[in-house]
Amino acid sequence: MDFDQLAEQVDRLTDELLGLEDAAARALGIQLKEAVEAIHREALVRIVRRLKQEESTLAALRELAQDPAVRAILMLHEILRPPPGARVQMALDEVRPYIHSHGGEVELVELQGGTVRLRLAGACQGCPGSQATLRNGVEQALRRHLPELERIELVEDAPASGALISPATIGVAGSPPPPYDPADGWRLALPLAQLAPGVLRRVVVEGGDLILAMVDGRPVCYHNTCAHMAMPLHDGDLSGGVLTCPWHGFAYLIASGECLTAPEVQLEPCPVRVRAGQIEVRV
């Protein structure tokens, strides 16, 4: 069997296990599955830690992490985590059966920094219980998958055309953005045009030392601090989606901040958004 077939077999057998009528047998099977997975995770963590110790093996680890099968297993055991957008969709998939049971639907409209904007549709749209539904169900799932989440917003229904319009695109072309409100915490970092793909930029905003990069057409922002010994990262090498610390070689996936060198640590993200052609951050 190839990897995909093996994965499908595991999913099928897991479904059969969860469907057992004998509660004791079902509980025993789940405990066995969790114990085996815990052994595998511990072994993988030890392998990753060993590979980080030499530059030659570290390079091999970076290459392996890009292999779909290896990456899937590392993510399964939470040694690597999916990027924020994927984790939001995972959380929404968890709560959709409950939302559907009430005749509604939930969808992701926008993810900017630590803010997730959602739309509730169908029976949930506009009903007094929609806020409670968001708070009690959706929010809990989101916070489990996205610990760095800062804020959840509900947006109005889409126009009749069905197009999703980003708030940043609404307004008169060429008009300046609204003045900054000191209370909202957003501050100008640099013009979007000055952040090119594959380039790492350092900005200092109100005492916050930050690094910016472009990933799939959107900016990502982290505090300019390596998780190893708190050394600055702005002179590091950004290549192939991996940022390597210039001091001790710790490697990070720039899309998610996950560390390839020490899976138990990661970069500290900073909320970032684009408004009227300007990159703004919230220190």
C-alpha atoms as a PDB file:
ATOM      1  CA  MET A   1       0.000   0.000   0.000  1.00  0.00           C
ATOM      2  CA  ASP A   2       1.126   3.555  -0.648  1.00  0.00           C
ATOM      3  CA  PHE A   3       0.866   6.308   1.959  1.00  0.00           C
ATOM      4  CA  ASP A   4      -2.567   7.547   0.883  1.00  0.00           C
ATOM      5  CA  GLN A   5      -4.015   4.028   0.964  1.00  0.00           C
ATOM      6  CA  LEU A   6      -2.566   3.415   4.420  1.00  0.00           C
ATOM      7  CA  ALA A   7      -4.018   6.709   5.660  1.00  0.00           C
ATOM      8  CA  GLU A   8      -7.436   5.787   4.265  1.00  0.00           C
ATOM      9  CA  GLN A   9      -7.219   2.389   5.964  1.00  0.00           C
ATOM     10  CA  VAL A  10      -6.412   4.033   9.313  1.00  0.00           C
ATOM     11  CA  ASP A  11      -9.378   6.390   8.914  1.00  0.00           C
ATOM     12  CA  ARG A  12     -11.705   3.497   8.040  1.00  0.00           C
ATOM     13  CA  LEU A  13     -10.560   1.340  10.949  1.00  0.00           C
ATOM     14  CA  THR A  14     -10.866   4.296  13.335  1.00  0.00           C
ATOM     15  CA  ASP A  15     -14.450   4.877  12.186  1.00  0.00           C
ATOM     16  CA  GLU A  16     -15.216   1.191  12.737  1.00  0.00           C
ATOM     17  CA  LEU A  17     -13.671   1.362  16.209  1.00  0.00           C
ATOM     18  CA  LEU A  18     -15.732   4.402  17.168  1.00  0.00           C
ATOM     19  CA  GLY A  19     -18.834   2.640  15.861  1.00  0.00           C
ATOM     20  CA  LEU A  20     -18.494  -0.426  18.079  1.00  0.00           C
ATOM     21  CA  GLU A  21     -21.615  -1.047  20.172  1.00  0.00           C
ATOM     22  CA  ASP A  22     -19.622  -2.565  23.043  1.00  0.00           C
ATOM     23  CA  ALA A  23     -18.617   0.510  25.090  1.00  0.00           C
ATOM     24  CA  ALA A  24     -15.839  -1.327  26.954  1.00  0.00           C
ATOM     25  CA  ALA A  25     -14.291  -2.633  23.737  1.00  0.00           C
ATOM     26  CA  ARG A  26     -14.596   0.791  22.157  1.00  0.00           C
ATOM     27  CA  ALA A  27     -12.888   2.488  25.140  1.00  0.00           C
ATOM     28  CA  LEU A  28     -10.112  -0.123  25.178  1.00  0.00           C
ATOM     29  CA  GLY A  29      -9.484   0.315  21.459  1.00  0.00           C
ATOM     30  CA  ILE A  30      -9.308   4.108  21.807  1.00  0.00           C
ATOM     31  CA  GLN A  31      -6.851   3.808  24.697  1.00  0.00           C
ATOM     32  CA  LEU A  32      -4.664   1.475  22.648  1.00  0.00           C
ATOM     33  CA  LYS A  33      -4.723   3.862  19.686  1.00  0.00           C
ATOM     34  CA  GLU A  34      -3.786   6.838  21.884  1.00  0.00           C
ATOM     35  CA  ALA A  35      -0.977   4.883  23.571  1.00  0.00           C
ATOM     36  CA  VAL A  36       0.539   3.856  20.211  1.00  0.00           C
ATOM     37  CA  GLU A  37       0.298   7.432  18.937  1.00  0.00           C
ATOM     38  CA  ALA A  38       2.002   8.720  22.106  1.00  0.00           C
ATOM     39  CA  ILE A  39       4.913   6.298  21.575  1.00  0.00           C
ATOM     40  CA  HIS A  40       5.235   7.397  17.950  1.00  0.00           C
ATOM     41  CA  ARG A  41       5.178  11.085  18.899  1.00  0.00           C
ATOM     42  CA  GLU A  42       7.893  10.677  21.530  1.00  0.00           C
ATOM     43  CA  ALA A  43      10.082   8.796  19.034  1.00  0.00           C
ATOM     44  CA  LEU A  44       9.570  11.483  16.381  1.00  0.00           C
ATOM     45  CA  VAL A  45      10.404  14.282  18.825  1.00  0.00           C
ATOM     46  CA  ARG A  46      13.676  12.516  19.691  1.00  0.00           C
ATOM     47  CA  ILE A  47      14.509  12.065  16.000  1.00  0.00           C
ATOM     48  CA  VAL A  48      13.872  15.750  15.256  1.00  0.00           C
ATOM     49  CA  ARG A  49      15.960  16.863  18.222  1.00  0.00           C
ATOM     50  CA  ARG A  50      18.849  14.674  17.086  1.00  0.00           C
ATOM     51  CA  LEU A  51      18.685  15.891  13.501  1.00  0.00           C
ATOM     52  CA  LYS A  52      18.934  19.501  14.643  1.00  0.00           C
ATOM     53  CA  GLN A  53      22.349  19.010  16.235  1.00  0.00           C
ATOM     54  CA  GLU A  54      24.430  19.116  13.037  1.00  0.00           C
ATOM     55  CA  GLU A  55      24.136  21.358  10.007  1.00  0.00           C
ATOM     56  CA  SER A  56      24.117  18.431   7.562  1.00  0.00           C
ATOM     57  CA  THR A  57      21.283  16.624   9.349  1.00  0.00           C
ATOM     58  CA  LEU A  58      19.431  19.895   9.893  1.00  0.00           C
ATOM     59  CA  ALA A  59      19.381  20.403   6.128  1.00  0.00           C
ATOM     60  CA  ALA A  60      17.966  16.898   5.736  1.00  0.00           C
ATOM     61  CA  LEU A  61      15.274  17.698   8.315  1.00  0.00           C
ATOM     62  CA  ARG A  62      14.213  20.788   6.374  1.00  0.00           C
ATOM     63  CA  GLU A  63      13.962  18.725   3.197  1.00  0.00           C
ATOM     64  CA  LEU A  64      12.014  15.959   4.921  1.00  0.00           C
ATOM     65  CA  ALA A  65       9.546  18.457   6.384  1.00  0.00           C
ATOM     66  CA  GLN A  66       8.522  19.419   2.851  1.00  0.00           C
ATOM     67  CA  ASP A  67       7.660  15.818   1.921  1.00  0.00           C
ATOM     68  CA  PRO A  68       3.832  15.468   2.046  1.00  0.00           C
ATOM     69  CA  ALA A  69       3.880  12.131   3.895  1.00  0.00           C
ATOM     70  CA  VAL A  70       6.457  13.218   6.489  1.00  0.00           C
ATOM     71  CA  ARG A  71       4.780  16.590   6.942  1.00  0.00           C
ATOM     72  CA  ALA A  72       1.387  14.927   7.455  1.00  0.00           C
ATOM     73  CA  ILE A  73       2.768  12.698  10.224  1.00  0.00           C
ATOM     74  CA  LEU A  74       4.562  15.604  11.930  1.00  0.00           C
ATOM     75  CA  MET A  75       1.323  17.581  11.849  1.00  0.00           C
ATOM     76  CA  LEU A  76      -0.702  14.611  13.081  1.00  0.00           C
ATOM     77  CA  HIS A  77       1.481  14.464  16.189  1.00  0.00           C
ATOM     78  CA  GLU A  78       1.485  18.289  16.541  1.00  0.00           C
ATOM     79  CA  ILE A  79       5.233  18.482  16.030  1.00  0.00           C
ATOM     80  CA  LEU A  80       4.391  20.850  13.189  1.00  0.00           C
ATOM     81  CA  ARG A  81       1.128  22.727  13.091  1.00  0.00           C
ATOM     82  CA  PRO A  82      -0.780  23.748   9.948  1.00  0.00           C
ATOM     83  CA  PRO A  83      -0.800  27.459   9.049  1.00  0.00           C
ATOM     84  CA  PRO A  84      -3.468  29.594  10.781  1.00  0.00           C
ATOM     85  CA  GLY A  85      -5.953  29.520   7.893  1.00  0.00           C
ATOM     86  CA  ALA A  86      -5.967  25.733   7.799  1.00  0.00           C
ATOM     87  CA  ARG A  87      -6.446  25.558  11.570  1.00  0.00           C
ATOM     88  CA  VAL A  88      -9.440  27.910  11.358  1.00  0.00           C
ATOM     89  CA  GLN A  89     -11.060  25.647   8.758  1.00  0.00           C
ATOM     90  CA  MET A  90     -10.385  22.611  10.960  1.00  0.00           C
ATOM     91  CA  ALA A  91     -12.156  24.342  13.855  1.00  0.00           C
ATOM     92  CA  LEU A  92     -15.144  25.290  11.698  1.00  0.00           C
ATOM     93  CA  ASP A  93     -15.395  21.744  10.376  1.00  0.00           C
ATOM     94  CA  GLU A  94     -15.747  20.574  13.982  1.00  0.00           C
ATOM     95  CA  VAL A  95     -18.760  22.769  14.725  1.00  0.00           C
ATOM     96  CA  ARG A  96     -20.521  22.632  11.345  1.00  0.00           C
ATOM     97  CA  PRO A  97     -22.591  19.529  12.232  1.00  0.00           C
ATOM     98  CA  TYR A  98     -24.059  21.446  15.193  1.00  0.00           C
ATOM     99  CA  ILE A  99     -24.659  24.568  13.089  1.00  0.00           C
ATOM    100  CA  HIS A 100     -26.258  22.453  10.346  1.00  0.00           C
ATOM    101  CA  SER A 101     -28.553  20.800  12.880  1.00  0.00           C
ATOM    102  CA  HIS A 102     -30.022  24.256  13.501  1.00  0.00           C
ATOM    103  CA  GLY A 103     -30.427  24.961   9.792  1.00  0.00           C
ATOM    104  CA  GLY A 104     -27.495  27.310   9.581  1.00  0.00           C
ATOM    105  CA  GLU A 105     -24.014  27.621   8.100  1.00  0.00           C
ATOM    106  CA  VAL A 106     -20.762  29.273   9.148  1.00  0.00           C
ATOM    107  CA  GLU A 107     -17.981  30.380   6.827  1.00  0.00           C
ATOM    108  CA  LEU A 108     -14.652  32.129   7.093  1.00  0.00           C
ATOM    109  CA  VAL A 109     -14.662  35.568   5.483  1.00  0.00           C
ATOM    110  CA  GLU A 110     -11.252  36.870   6.472  1.00  0.00           C
ATOM    111  CA  LEU A 111      -8.281  36.081   8.714  1.00  0.00           C
ATOM    112  CA  GLN A 112      -6.068  39.040   9.571  1.00  0.00           C
ATOM    113  CA  GLY A 113      -3.468  38.693  12.263  1.00  0.00           C
ATOM    114  CA  GLY A 114      -5.272  37.638  15.423  1.00  0.00           C
ATOM    115  CA  THR A 115      -8.758  38.512  14.143  1.00  0.00           C
ATOM    116  CA  VAL A 116     -11.113  36.006  12.515  1.00  0.00           C
ATOM    117  CA  ARG A 117     -14.164  37.338  10.672  1.00  0.00           C
ATOM    118  CA  LEU A 118     -17.023  34.890  10.176  1.00  0.00           C
ATOM    119  CA  ARG A 119     -20.432  34.903   8.534  1.00  0.00           C
ATOM    120  CA  LEU A 120     -23.386  32.974   9.962  1.00  0.00           C
ATOM    121  CA  ALA A 121     -25.961  32.164   7.301  1.00  0.00           C
ATOM    122  CA  GLY A 122     -29.273  30.335   7.025  1.00  0.00           C
ATOM    123  CA  ALA A 123     -31.371  29.991  10.128  1.00  0.00           C
ATOM    124  CA  CYS A 124     -28.539  31.414  12.251  1.00  0.00           C
ATOM    125  CA  GLN A 125     -28.346  34.664  10.299  1.00  0.00           C
ATOM    126  CA  GLY A 126     -29.749  37.551  12.291  1.00  0.00           C
ATOM    127  CA  CYS A 127     -31.317  35.383  14.962  1.00  0.00           C
ATOM    128  CA  PRO A 128     -30.881  36.408  18.601  1.00  0.00           C
ATOM    129  CA  GLY A 129     -29.033  33.180  19.349  1.00  0.00           C
ATOM    130  CA  SER A 130     -26.350  33.688  16.720  1.00  0.00           C
ATOM    131  CA  GLN A 131     -23.999  35.503  19.109  1.00  0.00           C
ATOM    132  CA  ALA A 132     -24.459  32.769  21.713  1.00  0.00           C
ATOM    133  CA  THR A 133     -23.846  30.118  19.059  1.00  0.00           C
ATOM    134  CA  LEU A 134     -20.608  31.850  18.064  1.00  0.00           C
ATOM    135  CA  ARG A 135     -19.468  32.283  21.641  1.00  0.00           C
ATOM    136  CA  ASN A 136     -20.329  28.838  22.975  1.00  0.00           C
ATOM    137  CA  GLY A 137     -19.485  26.662  19.998  1.00  0.00           C
ATOM    138  CA  VAL A 138     -17.413  28.293  17.295  1.00  0.00           C
ATOM    139  CA  GLU A 139     -15.225  30.355  19.615  1.00  0.00           C
ATOM    140  CA  GLN A 140     -14.265  27.384  21.776  1.00  0.00           C
ATOM    141  CA  ALA A 141     -13.277  25.340  18.722  1.00  0.00           C
ATOM    142  CA  LEU A 142     -11.286  28.230  17.267  1.00  0.00           C
ATOM    143  CA  ARG A 143      -9.364  28.815  20.470  1.00  0.00           C
ATOM    144  CA  ARG A 144      -8.437  25.149  20.700  1.00  0.00           C
ATOM    145  CA  HIS A 145      -6.934  25.192  17.207  1.00  0.00           C
ATOM    146  CA  LEU A 146      -5.699  28.814  17.201  1.00  0.00           C
ATOM    147  CA  PRO A 147      -4.380  29.757  20.669  1.00  0.00           C
ATOM    148  CA  GLU A 148      -3.070  33.072  19.314  1.00  0.00           C
ATOM    149  CA  LEU A 149      -6.623  34.148  18.422  1.00  0.00           C
ATOM    150  CA  GLU A 150      -7.399  37.649  19.719  1.00  0.00           C
ATOM    151  CA  ARG A 151     -10.822  38.525  18.352  1.00  0.00           C
ATOM    152  CA  ILE A 152     -13.800  37.028  16.525  1.00  0.00           C
ATOM    153  CA  GLU A 153     -16.117  39.230  14.470  1.00  0.00           C
ATOM    154  CA  LEU A 154     -19.407  38.543  12.704  1.00  0.00           C
ATOM    155  CA  VAL A 155     -19.892  40.322   9.385  1.00  0.00           C
ATOM    156  CA  GLU A 156     -23.078  41.111   7.528  1.00  0.00           C
ATOM    157  CA  ASP A 157     -24.300  38.870   4.745  1.00  0.00           C
ATOM    158  CA  ALA A 158     -22.616  39.186   1.338  1.00  0.00           C
ATOM    159  CA  PRO A 159     -24.097  41.358  -1.461  1.00  0.00           C
ATOM    160  CA  ALA A 160     -26.535  39.758  -3.887  1.00  0.00           C
ATOM    161  CA  SER A 161     -23.688  38.888  -6.236  1.00  0.00           C
ATOM    162  CA  GLY A 162     -22.283  36.589  -3.568  1.00  0.00           C
ATOM    163  CA  ALA A 163     -18.850  38.204  -3.762  1.00  0.00           C
ATOM    164  CA  LEU A 164     -16.878  38.531  -0.557  1.00  0.00           C
ATOM    165  CA  ILE A 165     -15.626  42.094  -0.271  1.00  0.00           C
ATOM    166  CA  SER A 166     -12.753  42.866   2.051  1.00  0.00           C
ATOM    167  CA  PRO A 167     -13.372  45.990   4.160  1.00  0.00           C
ATOM    168  CA  ALA A 168      -9.975  47.244   2.983  1.00  0.00           C
ATOM    169  CA  THR A 169     -11.290  47.498  -0.581  1.00  0.00           C
ATOM    170  CA  ILE A 170     -14.361  49.583   0.227  1.00  0.00           C
ATOM    171  CA  GLY A 171     -14.100  53.323  -0.410  1.00  0.00           C
ATOM    172  CA  VAL A 172     -13.027  55.772  -3.076  1.00  0.00           C
ATOM    173  CA  ALA A 173      -9.998  54.687  -5.071  1.00  0.00           C
ATOM    174  CA  GLY A 174      -6.958  56.706  -4.137  1.00  0.00           C
ATOM    175  CA  SER A 175      -8.506  58.137  -0.983  1.00  0.00           C
ATOM    176  CA  PRO A 176      -6.328  58.060   2.142  1.00  0.00           C
ATOM    177  CA  PRO A 177      -7.175  55.605   4.902  1.00  0.00           C
ATOM    178  CA  PRO A 178      -9.120  56.888   7.913  1.00  0.00           C
ATOM    179  CA  PRO A 179      -6.934  58.463  10.598  1.00  0.00           C
ATOM    180  CA  TYR A 180      -5.445  56.169  13.183  1.00  0.00           C
ATOM    181  CA  ASP A 181      -7.354  55.705  16.374  1.00  0.00           C
ATOM    182  CA  PRO A 182      -4.821  55.331  19.218  1.00  0.00           C
ATOM    183  CA  ALA A 183      -7.308  53.168  21.058  1.00  0.00           C
ATOM    184  CA  ASP A 184      -7.515  50.443  18.410  1.00  0.00           C
ATOM    185  CA  GLY A 185      -3.844  49.506  18.659  1.00  0.00           C
ATOM    186  CA  TRP A 186      -3.110  49.298  14.894  1.00  0.00           C
ATOM    187  CA  ARG A 187       0.024  51.103  13.735  1.00  0.00           C
ATOM    188  CA  LEU A 188       1.631  51.676  10.342  1.00  0.00           C
ATOM    189  CA  ALA A 189       4.545  49.319   9.584  1.00  0.00           C
ATOM    190  CA  LEU A 190       5.431  50.032   5.937  1.00  0.00           C
ATOM    191  CA  PRO A 191       3.792  50.269   2.490  1.00  0.00           C
ATOM    192  CA  LEU A 192       2.731  46.926   1.055  1.00  0.00           C
ATOM    193  CA  ALA A 193       4.752  47.628  -2.100  1.00  0.00           C
ATOM    194  CA  GLN A 194       7.959  47.575  -0.036  1.00  0.00           C
ATOM    195  CA  LEU A 195       7.491  43.957   1.056  1.00  0.00           C
ATOM    196  CA  ALA A 196       8.605  41.686  -1.779  1.00  0.00           C
ATOM    197  CA  PRO A 197       8.191  37.880  -1.817  1.00  0.00           C
ATOM    198  CA  GLY A 198      11.213  36.055  -0.429  1.00  0.00           C
ATOM    199  CA  VAL A 199      12.447  39.137   1.431  1.00  0.00           C
ATOM    200  CA  LEU A 200      12.579  39.544   5.220  1.00  0.00           C
ATOM    201  CA  ARG A 201      11.948  43.088   6.472  1.00  0.00           C
ATOM    202  CA  ARG A 202      12.593  44.456   9.934  1.00  0.00           C
ATOM    203  CA  VAL A 203      10.385  47.210  11.376  1.00  0.00           C
ATOM    204  CA  VAL A 204      10.346  48.860  14.779  1.00  0.00           C
ATOM    205  CA  VAL A 205       6.909  50.105  15.775  1.00  0.00           C
ATOM    206  CA  GLU A 206       6.408  51.849  19.128  1.00  0.00           C
ATOM    207  CA  GLY A 207       9.280  49.913  20.636  1.00  0.00           C
ATOM    208  CA  GLY A 208       8.180  46.610  19.132  1.00  0.00           C
ATOM    209  CA  ASP A 209      10.959  44.949  17.120  1.00  0.00           C
ATOM    210  CA  LEU A 210       9.255  42.950  14.353  1.00  0.00           C
ATOM    211  CA  ILE A 211       9.989  41.016  11.165  1.00  0.00           C
ATOM    212  CA  LEU A 212       7.706  40.884   8.129  1.00  0.00           C
ATOM    213  CA  ALA A 213       7.556  38.538   5.149  1.00  0.00           C
ATOM    214  CA  MET A 214       5.139  37.836   2.302  1.00  0.00           C
ATOM    215  CA  VAL A 215       3.521  34.379   2.148  1.00  0.00           C
ATOM    216  CA  ASP A 216       1.164  33.515  -0.722  1.00  0.00           C
ATOM    217  CA  GLY A 217       0.388  37.169  -1.334  1.00  0.00           C
ATOM    218  CA  ARG A 218      -0.269  38.099   2.295  1.00  0.00           C
ATOM    219  CA  PRO A 219       2.054  39.537   4.942  1.00  0.00           C
ATOM    220  CA  VAL A 220       3.012  37.617   8.068  1.00  0.00           C
ATOM    221  CA  CYS A 221       4.567  39.244  11.107  1.00  0.00           C
ATOM    222  CA  TYR A 222       6.520  37.921  14.087  1.00  0.00           C
ATOM    223  CA  HIS A 223       8.480  39.401  16.945  1.00  0.00           C
ATOM    224  CA  ASN A 224      12.130  39.676  15.963  1.00  0.00           C
ATOM    225  CA  THR A 225      13.263  37.114  18.518  1.00  0.00           C
ATOM    226  CA  CYS A 226      14.548  33.583  18.018  1.00  0.00           C
ATOM    227  CA  ALA A 227      12.873  31.144  20.405  1.00  0.00           C
ATOM    228  CA  HIS A 228      16.272  29.596  21.178  1.00  0.00           C
ATOM    229  CA  MET A 229      18.259  32.357  22.924  1.00  0.00           C
ATOM    230  CA  ALA A 230      16.135  35.430  22.097  1.00  0.00           C
ATOM    231  CA  MET A 231      18.607  36.608  19.444  1.00  0.00           C
ATOM    232  CA  PRO A 232      17.336  38.835  16.576  1.00  0.00           C
ATOM    233  CA  LEU A 233      16.331  37.130  13.336  1.00  0.00           C
ATOM    234  CA  HIS A 234      16.310  39.985  10.803  1.00  0.00           C
ATOM    235  CA  ASP A 235      19.714  39.036   9.349  1.00  0.00           C
ATOM    236  CA  GLY A 236      18.680  35.398   8.936  1.00  0.00           C
ATOM    237  CA  ASP A 237      18.361  33.533   5.661  1.00  0.00           C
ATOM    238  CA  LEU A 238      14.850  33.242   4.197  1.00  0.00           C
ATOM    239  CA  SER A 239      14.825  30.554   1.530  1.00  0.00           C
ATOM    240  CA  GLY A 240      12.219  28.072   0.371  1.00  0.00           C
ATOM    241  CA  GLY A 241       9.748  29.241   2.984  1.00  0.00           C
ATOM    242  CA  VAL A 242      12.206  28.549   5.820  1.00  0.00           C
ATOM    243  CA  LEU A 243      13.787  31.273   7.963  1.00  0.00           C
ATOM    244  CA  THR A 244      17.120  30.254   9.512  1.00  0.00           C
ATOM    245  CA  CYS A 245      18.432  32.131  12.535  1.00  0.00           C
ATOM    246  CA  PRO A 246      21.868  33.664  11.769  1.00  0.00           C
ATOM    247  CA  TRP A 247      23.178  32.901  15.269  1.00  0.00           C
ATOM    248  CA  HIS A 248      22.630  29.203  15.965  1.00  0.00           C
ATOM    249  CA  GLY A 249      20.810  27.889  12.892  1.00  0.00           C
ATOM    250  CA  PHE A 250      17.341  27.396  14.324  1.00  0.00           C
ATOM    251  CA  ALA A 251      14.948  27.009  11.382  1.00  0.00           C
ATOM    252  CA  TYR A 252      11.332  28.208  11.212  1.00  0.00           C
ATOM    253  CA  LEU A 253       8.537  27.826   8.682  1.00  0.00           C
ATOM    254  CA  ILE A 254       7.823  31.452   7.828  1.00  0.00           C
ATOM    255  CA  ALA A 255       4.156  30.710   7.006  1.00  0.00           C
ATOM    256  CA  SER A 256       3.293  29.502  10.502  1.00  0.00           C
ATOM    257  CA  GLY A 257       6.272  30.260  12.749  1.00  0.00           C
ATOM    258  CA  GLU A 258       6.698  26.556  13.539  1.00  0.00           C
ATOM    259  CA  CYS A 259      10.246  25.543  14.451  1.00  0.00           C
ATOM    260  CA  LEU A 260      11.837  22.701  12.479  1.00  0.00           C
ATOM    261  CA  THR A 261      14.794  22.533  14.840  1.00  0.00           C
ATOM    262  CA  ALA A 262      12.971  22.243  18.160  1.00  0.00           C
ATOM    263  CA  PRO A 263       9.326  21.263  17.631  1.00  0.00           C
ATOM    264  CA  GLU A 264       8.272  22.401  21.097  1.00  0.00           C
ATOM    265  CA  VAL A 265       8.904  26.107  20.337  1.00  0.00           C
ATOM    266  CA  GLN A 266       7.787  28.599  17.691  1.00  0.00           C
ATOM    267  CA  LEU A 267       8.018  32.253  16.724  1.00  0.00           C
ATOM    268  CA  GLU A 268       5.705  34.682  18.500  1.00  0.00           C
ATOM    269  CA  PRO A 269       3.198  36.044  15.943  1.00  0.00           C
ATOM    270  CA  CYS A 270       2.079  39.654  15.785  1.00  0.00           C
ATOM    271  CA  PRO A 271      -1.328  40.679  14.340  1.00  0.00           C
ATOM    272  CA  VAL A 272      -0.958  42.170  10.865  1.00  0.00           C
ATOM    273  CA  ARG A 273      -3.354  43.521   8.239  1.00  0.00           C
ATOM    274  CA  VAL A 274      -3.346  45.462   4.966  1.00  0.00           C
ATOM    275  CA  ARG A 275      -5.386  48.641   4.690  1.00  0.00           C
ATOM    276  CA  ALA A 276      -5.343  51.034   1.746  1.00  0.00           C
ATOM    277  CA  GLY A 277      -2.039  49.647   0.495  1.00  0.00           C
ATOM    278  CA  GLN A 278      -0.358  49.943   3.899  1.00  0.00           C
ATOM    279  CA  ILE A 279       0.773  47.132   6.196  1.00  0.00           C
ATOM    280  CA  GLU A 280      -0.392  47.720   9.743  1.00  0.00           C
ATOM    281  CA  VAL A 281       0.600  45.806  12.874  1.00  0.00           C
ATOM    282  CA  ARG A 282      -0.756  45.631  16.380  1.00  0.00           C
ATOM    283  CA  VAL A 283       2.129  45.547  18.840  1.00  0.00           C
END
